[in-house]
Amino acid sequence: MTRRRITFIFLLALGMIAVILSLLIRFINVDSTTSYSMEIQPIVDRFPRLEKVDQVYWSSNTVGDQSFGPSTYTMQGYVKLNHNVARKFANTYNWNNVTFHPKLQLDHDKATHLWSSSEEFDSYIKPANYVGKFYFDLDHELVYFEVEK
């Protein structure tokens, strides 16, 4: 092998290593931001069929780097429904008791929640561009959701 060919192979290998390292750095520095909010309007905007909401506590998280590829937007949270709306939902849908432990915990909430789910309720509440589930504690008029877009 000539000296010129060895130099070319060395530079080519060095360039490939640089590309691989830059890709690894991009993946390591994936944008991940989490925020917690008690603001009602963003929840009502995303899930308007919840109708009247008294309180919310929710978290959102964006994972990914849009400049490099798609990102995922996840949300989880609690929605305290208006009493009349909660009763309407409780009576309109068939609810199945489920064993479920929310990812997002309320530090100040010492109540024992009995979660129920309903495929019909999920279909009604959740827009088509979201994937995930809604759970309902009928006794406490509390909805919990974990969705992603």
Protein backbone atom coordinates (compact mmCIF):
# COMPACT_ATOMS: atom_id res chain seq x y z
CA MET A 1 0.00 0.00 0.00
CA THR A 2 1.21 3.43 -0.80
CA ARG A 3 1.60 6.18 1.70
CA ARG A 4 -1.11 8.17 -0.10
CA ARG A 5 -3.61 5.31 0.18
CA ILE A 6 -2.87 4.82 3.91
CA THR A 7 -3.42 8.56 4.50
CA PHE A 8 -6.71 8.44 2.59
CA ILE A 9 -7.97 5.45 4.64
CA PHE A 10 -6.89 7.15 7.87
CA LEU A 11 -8.71 10.38 6.99
CA LEU A 12 -11.80 8.46 5.90
CA ALA A 13 -11.86 6.53 9.20
CA LEU A 14 -11.33 9.77 11.13
CA GLY A 15 -14.25 11.38 9.29
CA MET A 16 -16.51 8.42 10.04
CA ILE A 17 -15.59 8.58 13.73
CA ALA A 18 -16.44 12.31 13.75
CA VAL A 19 -19.87 11.65 12.20
CA ILE A 20 -20.62 8.85 14.66
CA LEU A 21 -19.56 10.99 17.63
CA SER A 22 -21.71 13.92 16.50
CA LEU A 23 -24.74 11.59 16.18
CA LEU A 24 -24.09 10.15 19.64
CA ILE A 25 -23.86 13.63 21.13
CA ARG A 26 -27.22 14.51 19.54
CA PHE A 27 -28.86 11.43 21.03
CA ILE A 28 -27.33 12.02 24.45
CA ASN A 29 -28.49 15.64 24.45
CA VAL A 30 -32.10 14.80 23.60
CA ASP A 31 -34.36 17.62 24.69
CA SER A 32 -36.48 16.54 27.62
CA THR A 33 -38.46 19.21 29.42
CA THR A 34 -41.03 18.66 32.12
CA SER A 35 -43.39 21.22 33.56
CA TYR A 36 -46.09 21.03 36.21
CA SER A 37 -49.12 23.24 36.06
CA MET A 38 -52.44 23.98 37.69
CA GLU A 39 -53.62 26.02 34.71
CA ILE A 40 -57.04 24.83 33.54
CA GLN A 41 -57.18 26.33 30.05
CA PRO A 42 -54.54 24.10 28.36
CA ILE A 43 -56.43 21.01 29.53
CA VAL A 44 -59.79 22.36 28.40
CA ASP A 45 -58.25 23.34 25.04
CA ARG A 46 -56.90 19.83 24.49
CA PHE A 47 -59.88 17.93 25.94
CA PRO A 48 -62.92 20.21 25.51
CA ARG A 49 -65.39 17.38 26.10
CA LEU A 50 -64.46 17.36 29.79
CA GLU A 51 -66.84 20.34 29.84
CA LYS A 52 -66.66 22.06 33.25
CA VAL A 53 -63.39 21.62 35.11
CA ASP A 54 -62.93 22.85 38.68
CA GLN A 55 -59.21 22.12 39.21
CA VAL A 56 -56.29 20.49 37.44
CA TYR A 57 -52.79 19.35 38.24
CA TRP A 58 -50.84 18.12 35.26
CA SER A 59 -47.43 17.54 33.82
CA SER A 60 -46.15 17.65 30.28
CA ASN A 61 -42.96 16.30 28.85
CA THR A 62 -41.37 16.69 25.42
CA VAL A 63 -38.84 14.06 24.46
CA GLY A 64 -36.86 14.33 21.27
CA ASP A 65 -35.13 16.89 19.11
CA GLN A 66 -37.34 18.21 16.31
CA SER A 67 -34.31 19.41 14.36
CA PHE A 68 -33.10 15.81 14.13
CA GLY A 69 -36.34 13.84 14.06
CA PRO A 70 -39.79 13.54 15.55
CA SER A 71 -40.44 14.30 19.18
CA THR A 72 -43.07 12.90 21.51
CA TYR A 73 -45.31 15.06 23.69
CA THR A 74 -46.67 13.32 26.78
CA MET A 75 -49.13 14.57 29.36
CA GLN A 76 -50.43 13.15 32.59
CA GLY A 77 -52.58 14.75 35.19
CA TYR A 78 -55.61 15.03 37.38
CA VAL A 79 -58.84 16.83 36.55
CA LYS A 80 -61.37 17.63 39.27
CA LEU A 81 -64.68 17.76 37.43
CA ASN A 82 -67.68 19.92 38.16
CA HIS A 83 -70.15 17.86 40.23
CA ASN A 84 -72.92 17.85 37.58
CA VAL A 85 -70.52 16.87 34.78
CA ALA A 86 -69.00 14.11 36.93
CA ARG A 87 -72.46 12.67 37.66
CA LYS A 88 -73.35 12.86 33.97
CA PHE A 89 -70.20 10.94 33.00
CA ALA A 90 -70.72 8.42 35.82
CA ASN A 91 -74.25 7.67 34.61
CA THR A 92 -73.61 7.80 30.84
CA TYR A 93 -70.74 5.31 30.49
CA ASN A 94 -70.17 1.73 31.59
CA TRP A 95 -67.27 1.78 34.04
CA ASN A 96 -64.96 -1.12 34.83
CA ASN A 97 -62.95 -1.10 38.05
CA VAL A 98 -59.22 -1.33 37.35
CA THR A 99 -56.07 -1.73 39.39
CA PHE A 100 -54.06 1.29 38.40
CA HIS A 101 -51.26 3.39 39.90
CA PRO A 102 -50.84 6.84 38.31
CA LYS A 103 -47.36 7.90 37.23
CA LEU A 104 -48.00 11.40 38.56
CA GLN A 105 -48.61 11.47 42.30
CA LEU A 106 -50.33 14.17 44.32
CA ASP A 107 -48.27 14.78 47.46
CA HIS A 108 -51.11 16.44 49.33
CA ASP A 109 -53.72 13.84 48.39
CA LYS A 110 -54.16 11.19 51.09
CA ALA A 111 -57.40 9.76 49.64
CA THR A 112 -57.62 6.19 48.45
CA HIS A 113 -58.67 6.26 44.83
CA LEU A 114 -60.73 3.56 43.18
CA TRP A 115 -60.07 3.96 39.48
CA SER A 116 -62.44 2.90 36.72
CA SER A 117 -62.04 2.95 32.97
CA SER A 118 -64.38 3.02 30.01
CA GLU A 119 -63.47 2.57 26.36
CA GLU A 120 -66.50 4.68 25.36
CA PHE A 121 -65.43 7.49 27.68
CA ASP A 122 -61.87 7.36 26.28
CA SER A 123 -63.22 7.58 22.74
CA TYR A 124 -65.46 10.49 23.66
CA ILE A 125 -62.91 12.55 25.64
CA LYS A 126 -59.66 11.87 23.79
CA PRO A 127 -59.05 13.50 20.38
CA ALA A 128 -57.91 11.12 17.64
CA ASN A 129 -54.36 12.54 17.61
CA TYR A 130 -53.72 11.38 21.21
CA VAL A 131 -52.87 7.89 22.41
CA GLY A 132 -53.43 6.90 26.02
CA LYS A 133 -56.06 6.35 28.68
CA PHE A 134 -58.37 8.25 30.98
CA TYR A 135 -59.36 6.89 34.39
CA PHE A 136 -62.21 8.07 36.59
CA ASP A 137 -62.57 7.95 40.36
CA LEU A 138 -66.35 8.23 40.55
CA ASP A 139 -66.45 8.86 44.32
CA HIS A 140 -64.02 11.78 44.20
CA GLU A 141 -65.18 13.11 40.78
CA LEU A 142 -61.57 12.96 39.67
CA VAL A 143 -60.23 12.05 36.24
CA TYR A 144 -56.65 10.97 35.71
CA PHE A 145 -55.09 10.80 32.27
CA GLU A 146 -51.85 9.60 30.67
CA VAL A 147 -51.63 10.47 26.98
CA GLU A 148 -49.08 11.18 24.29
CA LYS A 149 -49.17 12.89 20.96
